[in-house]
C-alpha atoms as a PDB file:
ATOM      1  CA  MET A   1     -31.398  28.576  16.173  1.00  0.00           C
ATOM      2  CA  PRO A   2     -27.267  29.151  15.177  1.00  0.00           C
ATOM      3  CA  PRO A   3     -25.117  25.988  14.750  1.00  0.00           C
ATOM      4  CA  GLU A   4     -23.337  25.867  18.369  1.00  0.00           C
ATOM      5  CA  ALA A   5     -26.508  26.348  20.006  1.00  0.00           C
ATOM      6  CA  GLU A   6     -27.364  23.038  18.903  1.00  0.00           C
ATOM      7  CA  ALA A   7     -23.976  21.893  18.764  1.00  0.00           C
ATOM      8  CA  SER A   8     -22.887  18.572  20.658  1.00  0.00           C
ATOM      9  CA  PRO A   9     -20.078  18.590  23.086  1.00  0.00           C
ATOM     10  CA  ASN A  10     -17.143  19.181  20.978  1.00  0.00           C
ATOM     11  CA  SER A  11     -14.630  21.681  21.783  1.00  0.00           C
ATOM     12  CA  ASN A  12     -12.067  22.972  21.812  1.00  0.00           C
ATOM     13  CA  ASP A  13     -10.847  23.001  25.511  1.00  0.00           C
ATOM     14  CA  ARG A  14      -9.839  19.195  26.033  1.00  0.00           C
ATOM     15  CA  VAL A  15      -6.881  17.770  26.811  1.00  0.00           C
ATOM     16  CA  ALA A  16      -4.103  17.293  23.254  1.00  0.00           C
ATOM     17  CA  LEU A  17      -2.723  14.163  23.255  1.00  0.00           C
ATOM     18  CA  ASP A  18       0.436  14.258  20.839  1.00  0.00           C
ATOM     19  CA  PRO A  19      -0.479  11.975  17.499  1.00  0.00           C
ATOM     20  CA  LEU A  20       0.480   8.175  17.161  1.00  0.00           C
ATOM     21  CA  LEU A  21       2.446   8.646  14.197  1.00  0.00           C
ATOM     22  CA  LYS A  22       5.255  10.699  12.740  1.00  0.00           C
ATOM     23  CA  TRP A  23       3.803  11.330   8.983  1.00  0.00           C
ATOM     24  CA  PRO A  24       4.533  13.831   6.589  1.00  0.00           C
ATOM     25  CA  GLY A  25       3.462  17.276   6.128  1.00  0.00           C
ATOM     26  CA  GLY A  26       2.639  16.867   9.995  1.00  0.00           C
ATOM     27  CA  LYS A  27       0.952  19.811  11.180  1.00  0.00           C
ATOM     28  CA  ARG A  28       2.289  19.313  15.170  1.00  0.00           C
ATOM     29  CA  ARG A  29       4.711  22.436  15.379  1.00  0.00           C
ATOM     30  CA  LEU A  30       1.829  24.506  13.650  1.00  0.00           C
ATOM     31  CA  LEU A  31      -0.784  24.117  16.122  1.00  0.00           C
ATOM     32  CA  PRO A  32      -0.328  26.701  18.259  1.00  0.00           C
ATOM     33  CA  THR A  33      -1.398  28.893  14.923  1.00  0.00           C
ATOM     34  CA  ILE A  34      -4.306  26.505  14.158  1.00  0.00           C
ATOM     35  CA  MET A  35      -5.768  25.694  17.499  1.00  0.00           C
ATOM     36  CA  PRO A  36      -6.967  29.372  17.704  1.00  0.00           C
ATOM     37  CA  LEU A  37      -8.502  29.307  14.189  1.00  0.00           C
ATOM     38  CA  ILE A  38     -11.079  26.125  15.397  1.00  0.00           C
ATOM     39  CA  PRO A  39     -14.953  27.087  16.737  1.00  0.00           C
ATOM     40  CA  THR A  40     -15.156  26.991  20.342  1.00  0.00           C
ATOM     41  CA  LYS A  41     -18.246  24.044  19.615  1.00  0.00           C
ATOM     42  CA  TYR A  42     -18.776  22.342  16.278  1.00  0.00           C
ATOM     43  CA  ARG A  43     -21.116  19.064  16.087  1.00  0.00           C
ATOM     44  CA  HIS A  44     -19.538  16.815  14.367  1.00  0.00           C
ATOM     45  CA  TYR A  45     -15.571  16.670  13.219  1.00  0.00           C
ATOM     46  CA  TYR A  46     -14.415  15.227   9.815  1.00  0.00           C
ATOM     47  CA  GLU A  47     -10.915  15.068   8.434  1.00  0.00           C
ATOM     48  CA  PRO A  48     -10.439  13.890   5.045  1.00  0.00           C
ATOM     49  CA  PHE A  49      -6.776  14.038   4.883  1.00  0.00           C
ATOM     50  CA  LEU A  50      -6.135  12.325   8.210  1.00  0.00           C
ATOM     51  CA  GLY A  51      -2.320  11.540   7.975  1.00  0.00           C
ATOM     52  CA  GLY A  52      -0.349  11.837  11.746  1.00  0.00           C
ATOM     53  CA  GLY A  53      -3.735  13.261  12.615  1.00  0.00           C
ATOM     54  CA  ALA A  54      -1.928  16.132  14.874  1.00  0.00           C
ATOM     55  CA  VAL A  55      -5.315  18.112  14.434  1.00  0.00           C
ATOM     56  CA  PHE A  56      -7.664  15.657  15.691  1.00  0.00           C
ATOM     57  CA  PHE A  57      -5.436  13.853  18.613  1.00  0.00           C
ATOM     58  CA  ALA A  58      -5.262  17.773  19.556  1.00  0.00           C
ATOM     59  CA  LEU A  59      -8.756  18.317  19.935  1.00  0.00           C
ATOM     60  CA  LYS A  60      -9.756  14.890  20.624  1.00  0.00           C
ATOM     61  CA  PRO A  61     -13.717  15.494  19.284  1.00  0.00           C
ATOM     62  CA  HIS A  62     -16.615  13.330  20.295  1.00  0.00           C
ATOM     63  CA  SER A  63     -17.400  12.663  17.006  1.00  0.00           C
ATOM     64  CA  ALA A  64     -15.168  12.439  13.948  1.00  0.00           C
ATOM     65  CA  TRP A  65     -15.080  11.093  10.303  1.00  0.00           C
ATOM     66  CA  LEU A  66     -11.457  10.538   9.563  1.00  0.00           C
ATOM     67  CA  SER A  67     -10.253   9.299   6.358  1.00  0.00           C
ATOM     68  CA  ASP A  68      -7.099   8.991   3.742  1.00  0.00           C
ATOM     69  CA  ALA A  69      -5.732   7.805   0.947  1.00  0.00           C
ATOM     70  CA  ASP A  70      -3.241   5.219   2.343  1.00  0.00           C
ATOM     71  CA  SER A  71      -4.893   1.822   3.368  1.00  0.00           C
ATOM     72  CA  ASP A  72      -2.315   1.258   5.645  1.00  0.00           C
ATOM     73  CA  LEU A  73      -2.546   4.068   7.426  1.00  0.00           C
ATOM     74  CA  ILE A  74      -6.509   3.298   7.839  1.00  0.00           C
ATOM     75  CA  ASN A  75      -5.708   0.339   8.959  1.00  0.00           C
ATOM     76  CA  CYS A  76      -3.394   1.133  11.602  1.00  0.00           C
ATOM     77  CA  TYR A  77      -5.552   3.750  13.420  1.00  0.00           C
ATOM     78  CA  GLY A  78      -8.580   1.057  13.097  1.00  0.00           C
ATOM     79  CA  GLN A  79      -6.611  -1.962  14.825  1.00  0.00           C
ATOM     80  CA  VAL A  80      -5.031   0.571  17.876  1.00  0.00           C
ATOM     81  CA  ARG A  81      -8.811   1.642  17.860  1.00  0.00           C
ATOM     82  CA  ASP A  82     -10.481  -2.016  17.915  1.00  0.00           C
ATOM     83  CA  ASN A  83      -7.841  -4.557  18.623  1.00  0.00           C
ATOM     84  CA  ARG A  84      -5.185  -2.417  20.543  1.00  0.00           C
ATOM     85  CA  GLU A  85      -3.695  -4.971  22.579  1.00  0.00           C
ATOM     86  CA  ALA A  86      -2.649  -7.645  19.922  1.00  0.00           C
ATOM     87  CA  VAL A  87      -0.834  -4.179  18.473  1.00  0.00           C
ATOM     88  CA  ILE A  88       0.806  -3.767  21.632  1.00  0.00           C
ATOM     89  CA  ARG A  89       1.726  -7.490  21.663  1.00  0.00           C
ATOM     90  CA  ARG A  90       3.340  -7.759  18.702  1.00  0.00           C
ATOM     91  CA  LEU A  91       5.623  -4.519  18.798  1.00  0.00           C
ATOM     92  CA  SER A  92       6.326  -5.167  22.291  1.00  0.00           C
ATOM     93  CA  LYS A  93       7.959  -8.518  20.659  1.00  0.00           C
ATOM     94  CA  LEU A  94      10.031  -6.313  18.743  1.00  0.00           C
ATOM     95  CA  ARG A  95      13.652  -4.757  19.121  1.00  0.00           C
ATOM     96  CA  ASN A  96      15.457  -1.777  18.206  1.00  0.00           C
ATOM     97  CA  SER A  97      18.409  -2.904  16.270  1.00  0.00           C
ATOM     98  CA  GLU A  98      19.590  -2.044  12.526  1.00  0.00           C
ATOM     99  CA  SER A  99      19.585  -5.325  11.564  1.00  0.00           C
ATOM    100  CA  ASP A 100      15.794  -5.486  13.449  1.00  0.00           C
ATOM    101  CA  TYR A 101      14.506  -2.621  11.288  1.00  0.00           C
ATOM    102  CA  TYR A 102      15.878  -3.781   8.002  1.00  0.00           C
ATOM    103  CA  ALA A 103      14.239  -7.141   8.962  1.00  0.00           C
ATOM    104  CA  VAL A 104      10.357  -5.607   9.766  1.00  0.00           C
ATOM    105  CA  ARG A 105      10.955  -3.331   6.517  1.00  0.00           C
ATOM    106  CA  ALA A 106      11.778  -6.430   4.233  1.00  0.00           C
ATOM    107  CA  THR A 107       8.365  -8.220   5.369  1.00  0.00           C
ATOM    108  CA  ARG A 108       4.996  -8.083   3.892  1.00  0.00           C
ATOM    109  CA  PRO A 109       2.532  -9.025   6.405  1.00  0.00           C
ATOM    110  CA  ARG A 110      -1.429  -9.660   5.641  1.00  0.00           C
ATOM    111  CA  ALA A 111      -2.601  -9.791   9.588  1.00  0.00           C
ATOM    112  CA  LEU A 112      -4.347  -6.377   9.795  1.00  0.00           C
ATOM    113  CA  ASP A 113      -2.816  -6.193  13.443  1.00  0.00           C
ATOM    114  CA  VAL A 114       0.931  -7.230  12.146  1.00  0.00           C
ATOM    115  CA  LYS A 115       0.172  -4.584   9.541  1.00  0.00           C
ATOM    116  CA  ALA A 116      -0.431  -1.918  12.219  1.00  0.00           C
ATOM    117  CA  ALA A 117       2.560  -2.878  14.426  1.00  0.00           C
ATOM    118  CA  ARG A 118       4.816  -2.981  11.511  1.00  0.00           C
ATOM    119  CA  LEU A 119       3.757   0.373  10.292  1.00  0.00           C
ATOM    120  CA  ILE A 120       4.396   2.382  13.946  1.00  0.00           C
ATOM    121  CA  TYR A 121       7.796   0.297  14.296  1.00  0.00           C
ATOM    122  CA  LEU A 122       9.234   1.877  10.837  1.00  0.00           C
ATOM    123  CA  THR A 123       7.939   5.178  11.585  1.00  0.00           C
ATOM    124  CA  THR A 124       9.227   5.174  15.335  1.00  0.00           C
ATOM    125  CA  LEU A 125      12.363   3.953  14.128  1.00  0.00           C
ATOM    126  CA  SER A 126      13.014   5.371  10.403  1.00  0.00           C
ATOM    127  CA  PHE A 127      15.563   8.068   9.407  1.00  0.00           C
ATOM    128  CA  ASN A 128      14.162  11.667  10.659  1.00  0.00           C
ATOM    129  CA  GLY A 129      10.668   9.868  11.491  1.00  0.00           C
ATOM    130  CA  ILE A 130       9.581   9.949   7.580  1.00  0.00           C
ATOM    131  CA  TYR A 131       7.305   7.933   6.046  1.00  0.00           C
ATOM    132  CA  ARG A 132       7.747   6.982   2.064  1.00  0.00           C
ATOM    133  CA  ARG A 133       7.235   4.946  -0.456  1.00  0.00           C
ATOM    134  CA  ASN A 134       8.764   3.731  -3.547  1.00  0.00           C
ATOM    135  CA  ARG A 135       7.148   3.295  -7.048  1.00  0.00           C
ATOM    136  CA  ASN A 136       6.167  -0.276  -6.241  1.00  0.00           C
ATOM    137  CA  GLY A 137       5.008   0.577  -2.734  1.00  0.00           C
ATOM    138  CA  ASP A 138       7.383  -0.288  -0.614  1.00  0.00           C
ATOM    139  CA  PHE A 139       8.728   1.573   2.270  1.00  0.00           C
ATOM    140  CA  ASN A 140      12.056   2.390   1.951  1.00  0.00           C
ATOM    141  CA  VAL A 141      13.469   4.748   4.708  1.00  0.00           C
ATOM    142  CA  PRO A 142      16.953   3.598   6.182  1.00  0.00           C
ATOM    143  CA  TYR A 143      17.442   3.510   9.703  1.00  0.00           C
ATOM    144  CA  GLY A 144      17.438   6.446  12.021  1.00  0.00           C
ATOM    145  CA  GLN A 145      19.639   5.051  14.553  1.00  0.00           C
ATOM    146  CA  LYS A 146      17.525   6.364  17.631  1.00  0.00           C
ATOM    147  CA  THR A 147      18.462   3.601  19.646  1.00  0.00           C
ATOM    148  CA  HIS A 148      17.122   5.311  22.762  1.00  0.00           C
ATOM    149  CA  LEU A 149      13.380   5.196  21.657  1.00  0.00           C
ATOM    150  CA  LYS A 150      11.099   1.828  22.460  1.00  0.00           C
ATOM    151  CA  PRO A 151       9.723   0.496  19.450  1.00  0.00           C
ATOM    152  CA  CYS A 152       6.226  -0.436  21.723  1.00  0.00           C
ATOM    153  CA  ASP A 153       4.894   2.811  23.451  1.00  0.00           C
ATOM    154  CA  LYS A 154       1.998   1.368  25.698  1.00  0.00           C
ATOM    155  CA  ASP A 155       0.649   4.167  26.819  1.00  0.00           C
ATOM    156  CA  ARG A 156       0.592   6.397  23.662  1.00  0.00           C
ATOM    157  CA  ILE A 157      -1.111   3.433  21.972  1.00  0.00           C
ATOM    158  CA  VAL A 158      -3.846   3.420  24.609  1.00  0.00           C
ATOM    159  CA  ALA A 159      -4.467   6.996  24.696  1.00  0.00           C
ATOM    160  CA  ALA A 160      -4.895   7.206  20.988  1.00  0.00           C
ATOM    161  CA  GLY A 161      -7.008   4.033  20.697  1.00  0.00           C
ATOM    162  CA  ALA A 162      -9.013   6.032  23.107  1.00  0.00           C
ATOM    163  CA  ALA A 163      -9.540   8.886  21.419  1.00  0.00           C
ATOM    164  CA  LEU A 164     -10.088   7.208  18.137  1.00  0.00           C
ATOM    165  CA  ARG A 165     -13.447   5.432  19.829  1.00  0.00           C
ATOM    166  CA  CYS A 166     -15.136   8.404  18.837  1.00  0.00           C
ATOM    167  CA  ALA A 167     -14.211   7.564  15.458  1.00  0.00           C
ATOM    168  CA  ARG A 168     -15.557   6.702  11.758  1.00  0.00           C
ATOM    169  CA  LEU A 169     -12.206   5.623   9.759  1.00  0.00           C
ATOM    170  CA  LYS A 170     -12.564   4.944   5.885  1.00  0.00           C
ATOM    171  CA  CYS A 171     -10.266   4.973   3.225  1.00  0.00           C
ATOM    172  CA  VAL A 172     -12.051   7.300   0.510  1.00  0.00           C
ATOM    173  CA  ASP A 173     -11.645  10.076  -1.593  1.00  0.00           C
ATOM    174  CA  PHE A 174     -11.785  13.453   0.221  1.00  0.00           C
ATOM    175  CA  GLU A 175     -15.491  14.426  -1.450  1.00  0.00           C
ATOM    176  CA  GLU A 176     -16.765  11.350  -0.541  1.00  0.00           C
ATOM    177  CA  ALA A 177     -15.136  11.642   2.968  1.00  0.00           C
ATOM    178  CA  VAL A 178     -17.276  14.535   3.782  1.00  0.00           C
ATOM    179  CA  LYS A 179     -20.022  14.064   1.904  1.00  0.00           C
ATOM    180  CA  SER A 180     -22.410  13.534   5.572  1.00  0.00           C
ATOM    181  CA  ALA A 181     -21.072  17.279   6.612  1.00  0.00           C
ATOM    182  CA  GLY A 182     -23.462  19.847   7.751  1.00  0.00           C
ATOM    183  CA  SER A 183     -24.505  22.963   9.032  1.00  0.00           C
ATOM    184  CA  GLY A 184     -22.392  23.183  12.382  1.00  0.00           C
ATOM    185  CA  ASP A 185     -19.757  20.704  11.292  1.00  0.00           C
ATOM    186  CA  LEU A 186     -15.976  21.303  11.435  1.00  0.00           C
ATOM    187  CA  VAL A 187     -14.435  20.335   8.090  1.00  0.00           C
ATOM    188  CA  TYR A 188     -10.148  20.316   8.558  1.00  0.00           C
ATOM    189  CA  CYS A 189      -8.298  19.208   5.334  1.00  0.00           C
ATOM    190  CA  ASP A 190      -4.714  19.204   5.346  1.00  0.00           C
ATOM    191  CA  PRO A 191      -3.789  18.130   1.329  1.00  0.00           C
ATOM    192  CA  PRO A 192      -0.454  16.443   0.409  1.00  0.00           C
ATOM    193  CA  TYR A 193       1.605  19.123  -0.609  1.00  0.00           C
ATOM    194  CA  THR A 194       5.455  20.551  -0.353  1.00  0.00           C
ATOM    195  CA  VAL A 195       6.347  23.959   0.260  1.00  0.00           C
ATOM    196  CA  ALA A 196       9.806  23.485  -0.717  1.00  0.00           C
ATOM    197  CA  HIS A 197      10.135  24.064  -4.165  1.00  0.00           C
ATOM    198  CA  GLY A 198       8.602  27.706  -3.246  1.00  0.00           C
ATOM    199  CA  THR A 199       7.469  29.433  -6.582  1.00  0.00           C
ATOM    200  CA  ASN A 200      10.024  27.781  -8.751  1.00  0.00           C
ATOM    201  CA  GLY A 201       8.492  24.195  -9.984  1.00  0.00           C
ATOM    202  CA  PHE A 202       6.055  24.485  -7.375  1.00  0.00           C
ATOM    203  CA  LEU A 203       3.177  23.341  -9.762  1.00  0.00           C
ATOM    204  CA  LYS A 204       4.655  20.928 -11.752  1.00  0.00           C
ATOM    205  CA  TYR A 205       6.671  19.554  -8.248  1.00  0.00           C
ATOM    206  CA  ASN A 206       3.259  19.197  -6.421  1.00  0.00           C
ATOM    207  CA  ALA A 207       1.557  17.825  -9.311  1.00  0.00           C
ATOM    208  CA  ARG A 208       3.109  14.680  -8.345  1.00  0.00           C
ATOM    209  CA  ILE A 209       1.398  13.931  -5.014  1.00  0.00           C
ATOM    210  CA  PHE A 210      -1.875  16.112  -5.412  1.00  0.00           C
ATOM    211  CA  SER A 211      -2.508  16.832  -9.309  1.00  0.00           C
ATOM    212  CA  TRP A 212      -4.003  20.536  -9.583  1.00  0.00           C
ATOM    213  CA  ALA A 213      -6.989  19.206 -10.779  1.00  0.00           C
ATOM    214  CA  ASP A 214      -7.422  17.956  -7.341  1.00  0.00           C
ATOM    215  CA  GLN A 215      -6.406  21.348  -5.618  1.00  0.00           C
ATOM    216  CA  VAL A 216      -9.633  22.976  -7.766  1.00  0.00           C
ATOM    217  CA  ARG A 217     -11.585  20.071  -7.037  1.00  0.00           C
ATOM    218  CA  LEU A 218     -10.983  20.989  -3.187  1.00  0.00           C
ATOM    219  CA  ALA A 219     -11.296  24.652  -3.327  1.00  0.00           C
ATOM    220  CA  GLY A 220     -14.837  23.813  -5.114  1.00  0.00           C
ATOM    221  CA  LEU A 221     -15.368  21.775  -1.916  1.00  0.00           C
ATOM    222  CA  ALA A 222     -14.660  23.873   0.231  1.00  0.00           C
ATOM    223  CA  ARG A 223     -17.176  26.630  -1.022  1.00  0.00           C
ATOM    224  CA  ARG A 224     -19.421  24.097  -1.123  1.00  0.00           C
ATOM    225  CA  LEU A 225     -19.465  23.263   2.561  1.00  0.00           C
ATOM    226  CA  VAL A 226     -19.292  26.684   3.393  1.00  0.00           C
ATOM    227  CA  LYS A 227     -22.615  27.524   1.669  1.00  0.00           C
ATOM    228  CA  LYS A 228     -24.100  24.157   3.678  1.00  0.00           C
ATOM    229  CA  GLY A 229     -23.037  26.000   6.814  1.00  0.00           C
ATOM    230  CA  CYS A 230     -19.965  23.958   8.241  1.00  0.00           C
ATOM    231  CA  HIS A 231     -17.059  25.372   9.671  1.00  0.00           C
ATOM    232  CA  VAL A 232     -13.815  25.050   7.320  1.00  0.00           C
ATOM    233  CA  LEU A 233     -10.291  24.860   7.843  1.00  0.00           C
ATOM    234  CA  ILE A 234      -7.814  24.166   5.010  1.00  0.00           C
ATOM    235  CA  SER A 235      -3.734  23.768   5.104  1.00  0.00           C
ATOM    236  CA  ASN A 236      -1.933  24.487   1.589  1.00  0.00           C
ATOM    237  CA  ALA A 237       0.884  25.763   0.581  1.00  0.00           C
ATOM    238  CA  HIS A 238       1.618  29.642   0.064  1.00  0.00           C
ATOM    239  CA  HIS A 239       1.445  30.265  -3.780  1.00  0.00           C
ATOM    240  CA  PRO A 240      -0.045  32.839  -5.418  1.00  0.00           C
ATOM    241  CA  SER A 241      -2.063  30.073  -7.523  1.00  0.00           C
ATOM    242  CA  LEU A 242      -3.212  28.837  -4.243  1.00  0.00           C
ATOM    243  CA  VAL A 243      -3.918  32.483  -2.456  1.00  0.00           C
ATOM    244  CA  GLU A 244      -5.956  33.395  -5.773  1.00  0.00           C
ATOM    245  CA  LEU A 245      -8.011  30.026  -5.762  1.00  0.00           C
ATOM    246  CA  TYR A 246      -9.353  30.640  -1.960  1.00  0.00           C
ATOM    247  CA  LYS A 247     -10.021  33.889  -2.852  1.00  0.00           C
ATOM    248  CA  GLY A 248     -13.079  35.256  -0.320  1.00  0.00           C
ATOM    249  CA  PHE A 249     -11.575  33.028   2.687  1.00  0.00           C
ATOM    250  CA  LYS A 250      -9.539  34.517   5.057  1.00  0.00           C
ATOM    251  CA  CYS A 251      -5.862  33.516   5.557  1.00  0.00           C
ATOM    252  CA  VAL A 252      -3.158  33.561   7.815  1.00  0.00           C
ATOM    253  CA  ILE A 253       0.382  32.928   6.946  1.00  0.00           C
ATOM    254  CA  VAL A 254       2.453  30.958   8.906  1.00  0.00           C
ATOM    255  CA  SER A 255       5.984  30.721   8.733  1.00  0.00           C
ATOM    256  CA  ARG A 256       8.426  27.380  10.211  1.00  0.00           C
ATOM    257  CA  PRO A 257      11.760  25.881   9.854  1.00  0.00           C
ATOM    258  CA  SER A 258      11.272  22.679   7.211  1.00  0.00           C
ATOM    259  CA  THR A 259      12.705  19.823   8.253  1.00  0.00           C
ATOM    260  CA  ILE A 260      12.568  18.724   4.971  1.00  0.00           C
ATOM    261  CA  ALA A 261      16.485  18.492   4.248  1.00  0.00           C
ATOM    262  CA  ALA A 262      18.314  15.746   6.526  1.00  0.00           C
ATOM    263  CA  ASP A 263      21.377  18.202   7.139  1.00  0.00           C
ATOM    264  CA  VAL A 264      19.754  20.586  10.239  1.00  0.00           C
ATOM    265  CA  ALA A 265      22.159  23.526   8.599  1.00  0.00           C
ATOM    266  CA  HIS A 266      20.302  23.343   5.160  1.00  0.00           C
ATOM    267  CA  ARG A 267      17.027  23.466   6.658  1.00  0.00           C
ATOM    268  CA  ARG A 268      15.406  27.092   6.110  1.00  0.00           C
ATOM    269  CA  LYS A 269      12.244  28.663   7.011  1.00  0.00           C
ATOM    270  CA  THR A 270       9.187  28.080   4.864  1.00  0.00           C
ATOM    271  CA  THR A 271       5.640  29.577   4.794  1.00  0.00           C
ATOM    272  CA  GLU A 272       2.260  27.843   4.225  1.00  0.00           C
ATOM    273  CA  CYS A 273      -1.014  29.226   4.455  1.00  0.00           C
ATOM    274  CA  LEU A 274      -4.221  28.542   6.180  1.00  0.00           C
ATOM    275  CA  PHE A 275      -7.915  28.962   4.810  1.00  0.00           C
ATOM    276  CA  PHE A 276     -10.592  29.150   7.058  1.00  0.00           C
ATOM    277  CA  ALA A 277     -14.189  30.774   6.821  1.00  0.00           C
END
C-alpha cells in the first residue's frame, strides 16, 4: 500500500499559524514557494533544524519530531507547550522600554519558565528581530525601539502551545533527530547558512555556522531518508557546490529580499535553493 494511503491525518490544508519567534534564516517569506512542495498527506513530520519553525506552524501537523542545536530555543518551545501560563505570567510583568530591555538582557535566569519568557521578550524587542549571541554565548543584540509592541502576546503563545502539543522536542544532532523517520514521513531540513556572501568566500564564511563536512553529512542523510521512503525537502543556499552536492534531487530556485543589512537601502535580492525528493 502506498505511504499516502496509510498516512495519518497530517495534511497541508489546515489553518496556518504565524511563528512564535523571529529567528535568523526564518522561512516565513518563502512559505508560498515551500508549501506547494509539501505532499498532500504524510505520516509524521520531522524538522531537525527548527529555529523559528515557520513551516511547522504553517503545517500544524498532528504528529511531529522537532529538534534544534540551541537548547534555550527547545526549552522555550517546551515551556510554551507544557507551562504556558507561567510563561505568560512572567512575560506580562515585563515592560517595553530601553532600560527594561537591557536589564532583562543582562539577566542569566535558571528557572526554565523565566528563560523561556526572556527569550520571547528579547527576540520580540531586539533590533530588526535579530537573535544573535557573542563568543561567550551571551545575547548581544541592541534594543530595537519598537515601543508599539507588547512583550506578551498571549493569544500567540496560547496558539503556539496548542500546536506544539503534537510535538516531541529534543536538542540533539540532526542525524539523531530523524533516526526514527520511515516510509511516508515528511522531513524538512533548514540548516544554518547565509547567502549574503554569494560566491565570494561562501564556503569559508558558512563554515563558521555550519561546516562543509556537516553539509556533506546532511546530503548523505537526505539520500538515505529518500531510500527509506521519506518525503524530503531541504532549504539551502544557491551555490554551485550545493547544487552539485544535491545532484539527483529536484531543485527550485527562490528569489527573495535579503534582510541582513541594517539599512533597508542596502538590502538586495538573493537566491536560495529548495531541494526535494
